C-alpha atoms as a PDB file:
ATOM      1  CA  MET A   1     115.970 110.384 108.153  1.00  0.00           C
ATOM      2  CA  GLN A   2     115.330 110.565 104.484  1.00  0.00           C
ATOM      3  CA  ALA A   3     111.884 110.433 102.797  1.00  0.00           C
ATOM      4  CA  ILE A   4     111.186 109.879  99.277  1.00  0.00           C
ATOM      5  CA  ARG A   5     107.598 110.651  97.931  1.00  0.00           C
ATOM      6  CA  TYR A   6     106.477 108.979  94.705  1.00  0.00           C
ATOM      7  CA  ARG A   7     103.292 108.439  92.726  1.00  0.00           C
ATOM      8  CA  SER A   8     101.088 105.613  93.796  1.00  0.00           C
ATOM      9  CA  ALA A   9     100.578 102.823  91.271  1.00  0.00           C
ATOM     10  CA  ARG A  10      97.068 101.942  92.610  1.00  0.00           C
ATOM     11  CA  ASP A  11      95.771 105.504  92.819  1.00  0.00           C
ATOM     12  CA  PRO A  12      97.015 107.917  90.212  1.00  0.00           C
ATOM     13  CA  LYS A  13      95.969 110.929  92.251  1.00  0.00           C
ATOM     14  CA  GLY A  14      97.667 109.417  95.420  1.00  0.00           C
ATOM     15  CA  ALA A  15     101.220 109.231  96.658  1.00  0.00           C
ATOM     16  CA  ASN A  16     103.571 106.910  98.561  1.00  0.00           C
ATOM     17  CA  ILE A  17     106.350 107.742 100.952  1.00  0.00           C
ATOM     18  CA  ALA A  18     109.536 105.661 101.383  1.00  0.00           C
ATOM     19  CA  LEU A  19     111.520 106.275 104.556  1.00  0.00           C
ATOM     20  CA  LEU A  20     115.173 105.377 104.355  1.00  0.00           C
ATOM     21  CA  THR A  21     117.563 105.281 107.051  1.00  0.00           C
ATOM     22  CA  CYS A  22     120.493 102.859 108.010  1.00  0.00           C
ATOM     23  CA  GLY A  23     119.455 102.943 111.552  1.00  0.00           C
ATOM     24  CA  GLY A  24     116.200 100.950 110.648  1.00  0.00           C
ATOM     25  CA  PHE A  25     118.409  97.776 109.900  1.00  0.00           C
ATOM     26  CA  SER A  26     120.054  95.601 112.673  1.00  0.00           C
ATOM     27  CA  LYS A  27     121.717  93.151 110.219  1.00  0.00           C
ATOM     28  CA  ALA A  28     123.372  93.560 106.918  1.00  0.00           C
ATOM     29  CA  LYS A  29     120.682  91.410 105.159  1.00  0.00           C
ATOM     30  CA  PRO A  30     117.234  90.315 106.001  1.00  0.00           C
ATOM     31  CA  LEU A  31     116.804  87.185 108.124  1.00  0.00           C
ATOM     32  CA  ASP A  32     113.227  86.558 106.880  1.00  0.00           C
ATOM     33  CA  PRO A  33     111.246  88.298 104.309  1.00  0.00           C
ATOM     34  CA  HIS A  34     108.214  90.401 105.474  1.00  0.00           C
ATOM     35  CA  THR A  35     105.721  92.449 103.609  1.00  0.00           C
ATOM     36  CA  TRP A  36     104.715  95.718 105.211  1.00  0.00           C
ATOM     37  CA  ARG A  37     101.905  98.005 104.254  1.00  0.00           C
ATOM     38  CA  ILE A  38     101.949 101.680 105.143  1.00  0.00           C
ATOM     39  CA  ARG A  39      98.824 103.634 106.036  1.00  0.00           C
ATOM     40  CA  ILE A  40      98.758 107.418 106.046  1.00  0.00           C
ATOM     41  CA  GLY A  41      96.097 109.015 108.252  1.00  0.00           C
ATOM     42  CA  SER A  42      95.095 112.261 109.718  1.00  0.00           C
ATOM     43  CA  LEU A  43      96.932 111.417 113.034  1.00  0.00           C
ATOM     44  CA  GLY A  44     100.159 109.926 111.378  1.00  0.00           C
ATOM     45  CA  VAL A  45     101.523 106.848 109.675  1.00  0.00           C
ATOM     46  CA  GLN A  46     100.850 103.160 110.601  1.00  0.00           C
ATOM     47  CA  ALA A  47     103.167 100.473 109.434  1.00  0.00           C
ATOM     48  CA  ILE A  48     101.470  97.000 109.261  1.00  0.00           C
ATOM     49  CA  CYS A  49     102.925  93.528 108.740  1.00  0.00           C
ATOM     50  CA  GLU A  50     100.215  90.694 108.543  1.00  0.00           C
ATOM     51  CA  PHE A  51     102.772  87.831 109.277  1.00  0.00           C
ATOM     52  CA  PRO A  52     104.085  88.043 111.949  1.00  0.00           C
ATOM     53  CA  ASP A  53     101.443  90.400 113.215  1.00  0.00           C
ATOM     54  CA  LYS A  54     103.368  93.573 114.034  1.00  0.00           C
ATOM     55  CA  ARG A  55     102.128  97.303 113.905  1.00  0.00           C
ATOM     56  CA  LEU A  56     104.169 100.439 114.326  1.00  0.00           C
ATOM     57  CA  GLU A  57     102.600 103.742 114.654  1.00  0.00           C
ATOM     58  CA  PHE A  58     104.296 107.182 113.943  1.00  0.00           C
ATOM     59  CA  PRO A  59     102.507 110.503 114.904  1.00  0.00           C
ATOM     60  CA  ARG A  60     102.428 113.408 112.488  1.00  0.00           C
ATOM     61  CA  THR A  61     105.083 115.222 114.496  1.00  0.00           C
ATOM     62  CA  ALA A  62     107.606 112.508 113.681  1.00  0.00           C
ATOM     63  CA  PHE A  63     107.595 113.784 110.062  1.00  0.00           C
ATOM     64  CA  ALA A  64     108.414 117.460 110.893  1.00  0.00           C
ATOM     65  CA  ASP A  65     110.506 117.959 107.784  1.00  0.00           C
ATOM     66  CA  PRO A  66     110.192 121.024 105.542  1.00  0.00           C
ATOM     67  CA  ARG A  67     110.227 118.691 102.533  1.00  0.00           C
ATOM     68  CA  LEU A  68     106.916 117.381 103.724  1.00  0.00           C
ATOM     69  CA  ALA A  69     105.461 120.760 104.322  1.00  0.00           C
ATOM     70  CA  ASN A  70     102.845 120.192 101.601  1.00  0.00           C
ATOM     71  CA  MET A  71     101.919 116.714 102.656  1.00  0.00           C
ATOM     72  CA  ARG A  72      98.080 116.116 102.561  1.00  0.00           C
ATOM     73  CA  TRP A  73      97.358 114.175 105.775  1.00  0.00           C
ATOM     74  CA  GLU A  74      93.624 114.423 105.507  1.00  0.00           C
ATOM     75  CA  ARG A  75      92.392 111.977 102.815  1.00  0.00           C
ATOM     76  CA  GLY A  76      89.098 111.572 101.255  1.00  0.00           C
ATOM     77  CA  ARG A  77      87.450 108.183 100.763  1.00  0.00           C
END
């Protein structure tokens, strides 16, 4: 798995993470476009699609990669 961290456009002090892997795709091109939101929390990552309603959750242990060693999982409001 490859992860890319980049600056958040909505929160200049925040960050986004893009996870890239060929195994995540079953077809060569999308069948239907979907918009997903990624939420990072103290327990891990949630991927949320509003239509159709789908949710995926990944625990922090799924991201045990030395490149993410400085990841700030606890976030203030």
